[in-house]
Amino acid sequence: ETHTCLLTKNKRLEEGVSSIGLEGEFKLVSSSIEGNLLRVVVENKGEEIPIYIDLKKHLK
């Protein structure tokens, strides 16, 4: 079994926007592969949050 830990920055922090409190439980809404991107949608406090991961970049 292989695990990959992704070191990424929060887009909100990169843009200089104050981060919202993401406390609570995350629930997986959906996941799919779109070209070279892994798209994961999680839900937290009723808000759906899409996360995009460049598979080529992280799985070299």
PDB file of N, CA and C in Angstrom:
ATOM      1  N   GLU A   1       0.850  -1.177   0.000  1.00  0.00           N
ATOM      2  CA  GLU A   1       0.000   0.000   0.000  1.00  0.00           C
ATOM      3  C   GLU A   1       0.895   1.239   0.000  1.00  0.00           C
ATOM      4  N   THR A   2       0.594   2.173  -0.879  1.00  0.00           N
ATOM      5  CA  THR A   2       1.391   3.389  -1.005  1.00  0.00           C
ATOM      6  C   THR A   2       0.554   4.600  -0.633  1.00  0.00           C
ATOM      7  N   HIS A   3       1.152   5.507   0.117  1.00  0.00           N
ATOM      8  CA  HIS A   3       0.472   6.752   0.490  1.00  0.00           C
ATOM      9  C   HIS A   3       1.311   7.923   0.010  1.00  0.00           C
ATOM     10  N   THR A   4       0.666   8.940  -0.500  1.00  0.00           N
ATOM     11  CA  THR A   4       1.353  10.145  -0.938  1.00  0.00           C
ATOM     12  C   THR A   4       0.806  11.324  -0.154  1.00  0.00           C
ATOM     13  N   CYS A   5       1.683  12.057   0.506  1.00  0.00           N
ATOM     14  CA  CYS A   5       1.289  13.260   1.231  1.00  0.00           C
ATOM     15  C   CYS A   5       1.569  14.454   0.328  1.00  0.00           C
ATOM     16  N   LEU A   6       0.550  15.234   0.054  1.00  0.00           N
ATOM     17  CA  LEU A   6       0.704  16.367  -0.845  1.00  0.00           C
ATOM     18  C   LEU A   6       0.977  17.629  -0.040  1.00  0.00           C
ATOM     19  N   LEU A   7       2.060  18.294  -0.371  1.00  0.00           N
ATOM     20  CA  LEU A   7       2.381  19.563   0.269  1.00  0.00           C
ATOM     21  C   LEU A   7       1.839  20.668  -0.626  1.00  0.00           C
ATOM     22  N   THR A   8       0.727  21.240  -0.245  1.00  0.00           N
ATOM     23  CA  THR A   8       0.103  22.278  -1.052  1.00  0.00           C
ATOM     24  C   THR A   8      -0.233  23.478  -0.183  1.00  0.00           C
ATOM     25  N   LYS A   9      -0.504  24.578  -0.837  1.00  0.00           N
ATOM     26  CA  LYS A   9      -0.920  25.786  -0.136  1.00  0.00           C
ATOM     27  C   LYS A   9      -2.400  26.001  -0.376  1.00  0.00           C
ATOM     28  N   ASN A  10      -3.049  26.537   0.621  1.00  0.00           N
ATOM     29  CA  ASN A  10      -4.453  26.870   0.513  1.00  0.00           C
ATOM     30  C   ASN A  10      -4.604  28.050  -0.446  1.00  0.00           C
ATOM     31  N   LYS A  11      -5.466  27.927  -1.453  1.00  0.00           N
ATOM     32  CA  LYS A  11      -5.644  28.991  -2.444  1.00  0.00           C
ATOM     33  C   LYS A  11      -6.054  30.294  -1.769  1.00  0.00           C
ATOM     34  N   ARG A  12      -6.881  30.211  -0.744  1.00  0.00           N
ATOM     35  CA  ARG A  12      -7.317  31.427  -0.050  1.00  0.00           C
ATOM     36  C   ARG A  12      -6.128  32.138   0.584  1.00  0.00           C
ATOM     37  N   LEU A  13      -5.168  31.368   1.118  1.00  0.00           N
ATOM     38  CA  LEU A  13      -3.999  31.979   1.735  1.00  0.00           C
ATOM     39  C   LEU A  13      -3.083  32.579   0.684  1.00  0.00           C
ATOM     40  N   GLU A  14      -2.967  31.920  -0.470  1.00  0.00           N
ATOM     41  CA  GLU A  14      -2.128  32.438  -1.547  1.00  0.00           C
ATOM     42  C   GLU A  14      -2.659  33.775  -2.054  1.00  0.00           C
ATOM     43  N   GLU A  15      -3.977  33.924  -2.072  1.00  0.00           N
ATOM     44  CA  GLU A  15      -4.591  35.144  -2.585  1.00  0.00           C
ATOM     45  C   GLU A  15      -4.644  36.241  -1.526  1.00  0.00           C
ATOM     46  N   GLY A  16      -4.191  35.943  -0.307  1.00  0.00           N
ATOM     47  CA  GLY A  16      -4.192  36.939   0.753  1.00  0.00           C
ATOM     48  C   GLY A  16      -5.547  37.135   1.404  1.00  0.00           C
ATOM     49  N   VAL A  17      -6.476  36.248   1.142  1.00  0.00           N
ATOM     50  CA  VAL A  17      -7.802  36.331   1.742  1.00  0.00           C
ATOM     51  C   VAL A  17      -7.754  35.617   3.077  1.00  0.00           C
ATOM     52  N   SER A  18      -8.379  36.210   4.075  1.00  0.00           N
ATOM     53  CA  SER A  18      -8.374  35.541   5.374  1.00  0.00           C
ATOM     54  C   SER A  18      -9.110  34.221   5.246  1.00  0.00           C
ATOM     55  N   SER A  19      -8.541  33.200   5.830  1.00  0.00           N
ATOM     56  CA  SER A  19      -9.131  31.871   5.693  1.00  0.00           C
ATOM     57  C   SER A  19     -10.366  31.760   6.571  1.00  0.00           C
ATOM     58  N   ILE A  20     -11.334  31.033   6.079  1.00  0.00           N
ATOM     59  CA  ILE A  20     -12.527  30.795   6.874  1.00  0.00           C
ATOM     60  C   ILE A  20     -12.252  29.636   7.804  1.00  0.00           C
ATOM     61  N   GLY A  21     -12.959  29.561   8.883  1.00  0.00           N
ATOM     62  CA  GLY A  21     -12.762  28.470   9.830  1.00  0.00           C
ATOM     63  C   GLY A  21     -13.292  27.168   9.265  1.00  0.00           C
ATOM     64  N   LEU A  22     -12.408  26.229   9.014  1.00  0.00           N
ATOM     65  CA  LEU A  22     -12.824  24.939   8.469  1.00  0.00           C
ATOM     66  C   LEU A  22     -12.811  23.888   9.568  1.00  0.00           C
ATOM     67  N   GLU A  23     -13.435  24.209  10.661  1.00  0.00           N
ATOM     68  CA  GLU A  23     -13.530  23.240  11.738  1.00  0.00           C
ATOM     69  C   GLU A  23     -14.722  22.344  11.452  1.00  0.00           C
ATOM     70  N   GLY A  24     -14.735  21.216  12.082  1.00  0.00           N
ATOM     71  CA  GLY A  24     -15.841  20.308  11.880  1.00  0.00           C
ATOM     72  C   GLY A  24     -15.421  19.119  11.048  1.00  0.00           C
ATOM     73  N   GLU A  25     -16.407  18.419  10.582  1.00  0.00           N
ATOM     74  CA  GLU A  25     -16.159  17.170   9.881  1.00  0.00           C
ATOM     75  C   GLU A  25     -16.229  17.374   8.373  1.00  0.00           C
ATOM     76  N   PHE A  26     -15.253  16.823   7.667  1.00  0.00           N
ATOM     77  CA  PHE A  26     -15.260  16.853   6.209  1.00  0.00           C
ATOM     78  C   PHE A  26     -15.929  15.594   5.695  1.00  0.00           C
ATOM     79  N   LYS A  27     -16.749  15.750   4.661  1.00  0.00           N
ATOM     80  CA  LYS A  27     -17.402  14.606   4.034  1.00  0.00           C
ATOM     81  C   LYS A  27     -17.092  14.643   2.543  1.00  0.00           C
ATOM     82  N   LEU A  28     -16.743  13.484   1.989  1.00  0.00           N
ATOM     83  CA  LEU A  28     -16.473  13.386   0.560  1.00  0.00           C
ATOM     84  C   LEU A  28     -17.787  13.476  -0.205  1.00  0.00           C
ATOM     85  N   VAL A  29     -17.853  14.390  -1.155  1.00  0.00           N
ATOM     86  CA  VAL A  29     -19.029  14.535  -2.001  1.00  0.00           C
ATOM     87  C   VAL A  29     -18.819  13.758  -3.294  1.00  0.00           C
ATOM     88  N   SER A  30     -17.657  13.988  -3.943  1.00  0.00           N
ATOM     89  CA  SER A  30     -17.361  13.278  -5.185  1.00  0.00           C
ATOM     90  C   SER A  30     -15.876  13.360  -5.484  1.00  0.00           C
ATOM     91  N   SER A  31     -15.441  12.480  -6.362  1.00  0.00           N
ATOM     92  CA  SER A  31     -14.063  12.529  -6.851  1.00  0.00           C
ATOM     93  C   SER A  31     -14.058  12.019  -8.287  1.00  0.00           C
ATOM     94  N   SER A  32     -13.190  12.618  -9.102  1.00  0.00           N
ATOM     95  CA  SER A  32     -13.090  12.197 -10.497  1.00  0.00           C
ATOM     96  C   SER A  32     -11.730  12.613 -11.036  1.00  0.00           C
ATOM     97  N   ILE A  33     -11.352  11.985 -12.147  1.00  0.00           N
ATOM     98  CA  ILE A  33     -10.118  12.356 -12.820  1.00  0.00           C
ATOM     99  C   ILE A  33     -10.505  13.048 -14.117  1.00  0.00           C
ATOM    100  N   GLU A  34     -10.009  14.276 -14.290  1.00  0.00           N
ATOM    101  CA  GLU A  34     -10.291  15.074 -15.477  1.00  0.00           C
ATOM    102  C   GLU A  34      -8.957  15.383 -16.146  1.00  0.00           C
ATOM    103  N   GLY A  35      -8.583  14.594 -17.137  1.00  0.00           N
ATOM    104  CA  GLY A  35      -7.273  14.757 -17.772  1.00  0.00           C
ATOM    105  C   GLY A  35      -6.184  14.361 -16.796  1.00  0.00           C
ATOM    106  N   ASN A  36      -5.306  15.303 -16.467  1.00  0.00           N
ATOM    107  CA  ASN A  36      -4.230  15.046 -15.505  1.00  0.00           C
ATOM    108  C   ASN A  36      -4.582  15.516 -14.104  1.00  0.00           C
ATOM    109  N   LEU A  37      -5.822  15.961 -13.897  1.00  0.00           N
ATOM    110  CA  LEU A  37      -6.223  16.497 -12.601  1.00  0.00           C
ATOM    111  C   LEU A  37      -7.148  15.551 -11.858  1.00  0.00           C
ATOM    112  N   LEU A  38      -6.868  15.383 -10.584  1.00  0.00           N
ATOM    113  CA  LEU A  38      -7.783  14.681  -9.693  1.00  0.00           C
ATOM    114  C   LEU A  38      -8.663  15.749  -9.069  1.00  0.00           C
ATOM    115  N   ARG A  39      -9.964  15.657  -9.262  1.00  0.00           N
ATOM    116  CA  ARG A  39     -10.907  16.630  -8.698  1.00  0.00           C
ATOM    117  C   ARG A  39     -11.634  15.956  -7.545  1.00  0.00           C
ATOM    118  N   VAL A  40     -11.501  16.537  -6.372  1.00  0.00           N
ATOM    119  CA  VAL A  40     -12.152  16.018  -5.174  1.00  0.00           C
ATOM    120  C   VAL A  40     -13.039  17.128  -4.630  1.00  0.00           C
ATOM    121  N   VAL A  41     -14.287  16.805  -4.331  1.00  0.00           N
ATOM    122  CA  VAL A  41     -15.193  17.783  -3.731  1.00  0.00           C
ATOM    123  C   VAL A  41     -15.546  17.279  -2.341  1.00  0.00           C
ATOM    124  N   VAL A  42     -15.261  18.115  -1.338  1.00  0.00           N
ATOM    125  CA  VAL A  42     -15.593  17.782   0.039  1.00  0.00           C
ATOM    126  C   VAL A  42     -16.607  18.795   0.552  1.00  0.00           C
ATOM    127  N   GLU A  43     -17.334  18.399   1.578  1.00  0.00           N
ATOM    128  CA  GLU A  43     -18.311  19.290   2.197  1.00  0.00           C
ATOM    129  C   GLU A  43     -17.896  19.550   3.632  1.00  0.00           C
ATOM    130  N   ASN A  44     -17.984  20.812   4.035  1.00  0.00           N
ATOM    131  CA  ASN A  44     -17.684  21.207   5.401  1.00  0.00           C
ATOM    132  C   ASN A  44     -18.653  22.314   5.783  1.00  0.00           C
ATOM    133  N   LYS A  45     -19.401  22.107   6.835  1.00  0.00           N
ATOM    134  CA  LYS A  45     -20.385  23.095   7.310  1.00  0.00           C
ATOM    135  C   LYS A  45     -21.350  23.499   6.204  1.00  0.00           C
ATOM    136  N   GLY A  46     -21.774  22.544   5.383  1.00  0.00           N
ATOM    137  CA  GLY A  46     -22.734  22.818   4.328  1.00  0.00           C
ATOM    138  C   GLY A  46     -22.154  23.449   3.078  1.00  0.00           C
ATOM    139  N   GLU A  47     -20.861  23.749   3.068  1.00  0.00           N
ATOM    140  CA  GLU A  47     -20.215  24.351   1.900  1.00  0.00           C
ATOM    141  C   GLU A  47     -19.440  23.284   1.142  1.00  0.00           C
ATOM    142  N   GLU A  48     -19.662  23.202  -0.169  1.00  0.00           N
ATOM    143  CA  GLU A  48     -18.898  22.270  -0.995  1.00  0.00           C
ATOM    144  C   GLU A  48     -17.606  22.942  -1.439  1.00  0.00           C
ATOM    145  N   ILE A  49     -16.484  22.254  -1.222  1.00  0.00           N
ATOM    146  CA  ILE A  49     -15.170  22.809  -1.517  1.00  0.00           C
ATOM    147  C   ILE A  49     -14.484  21.918  -2.545  1.00  0.00           C
ATOM    148  N   PRO A  50     -14.252  22.422  -3.781  1.00  0.00           N
ATOM    149  CA  PRO A  50     -13.538  21.623  -4.779  1.00  0.00           C
ATOM    150  C   PRO A  50     -12.029  21.736  -4.565  1.00  0.00           C
ATOM    151  N   ILE A  51     -11.336  20.615  -4.727  1.00  0.00           N
ATOM    152  CA  ILE A  51      -9.883  20.569  -4.608  1.00  0.00           C
ATOM    153  C   ILE A  51      -9.354  19.931  -5.887  1.00  0.00           C
ATOM    154  N   TYR A  52      -8.391  20.584  -6.534  1.00  0.00           N
ATOM    155  CA  TYR A  52      -7.788  20.058  -7.756  1.00  0.00           C
ATOM    156  C   TYR A  52      -6.342  19.695  -7.475  1.00  0.00           C
ATOM    157  N   ILE A  53      -5.953  18.482  -7.850  1.00  0.00           N
ATOM    158  CA  ILE A  53      -4.594  17.996  -7.627  1.00  0.00           C
ATOM    159  C   ILE A  53      -4.012  17.578  -8.969  1.00  0.00           C
ATOM    160  N   ASP A  54      -2.878  18.169  -9.332  1.00  0.00           N
ATOM    161  CA  ASP A  54      -2.187  17.839 -10.577  1.00  0.00           C
ATOM    162  C   ASP A  54      -1.466  16.507 -10.374  1.00  0.00           C
ATOM    163  N   LEU A  55      -1.993  15.444 -10.951  1.00  0.00           N
ATOM    164  CA  LEU A  55      -1.439  14.108 -10.739  1.00  0.00           C
ATOM    165  C   LEU A  55      -0.032  13.963 -11.304  1.00  0.00           C
ATOM    166  N   LYS A  56       0.226  14.555 -12.466  1.00  0.00           N
ATOM    167  CA  LYS A  56       1.570  14.454 -13.052  1.00  0.00           C
ATOM    168  C   LYS A  56       2.612  15.067 -12.126  1.00  0.00           C
ATOM    169  N   LYS A  57       2.283  16.198 -11.541  1.00  0.00           N
ATOM    170  CA  LYS A  57       3.218  16.912 -10.674  1.00  0.00           C
ATOM    171  C   LYS A  57       3.519  16.113  -9.405  1.00  0.00           C
ATOM    172  N   HIS A  58       2.518  15.499  -8.817  1.00  0.00           N
ATOM    173  CA  HIS A  58       2.684  14.845  -7.525  1.00  0.00           C
ATOM    174  C   HIS A  58       3.066  13.374  -7.606  1.00  0.00           C
ATOM    175  N   LEU A  59       2.918  12.756  -8.757  1.00  0.00           N
ATOM    176  CA  LEU A  59       3.193  11.318  -8.858  1.00  0.00           C
ATOM    177  C   LEU A  59       4.375  11.017  -9.769  1.00  0.00           C
ATOM    178  N   LYS A  60       5.335  11.930  -9.856  1.00  0.00           N
ATOM    179  CA  LYS A  60       6.532  11.704 -10.674  1.00  0.00           C
ATOM    180  C   LYS A  60       7.405  10.663 -10.037  1.00  0.00           C
TER     181      LYS A  60
END
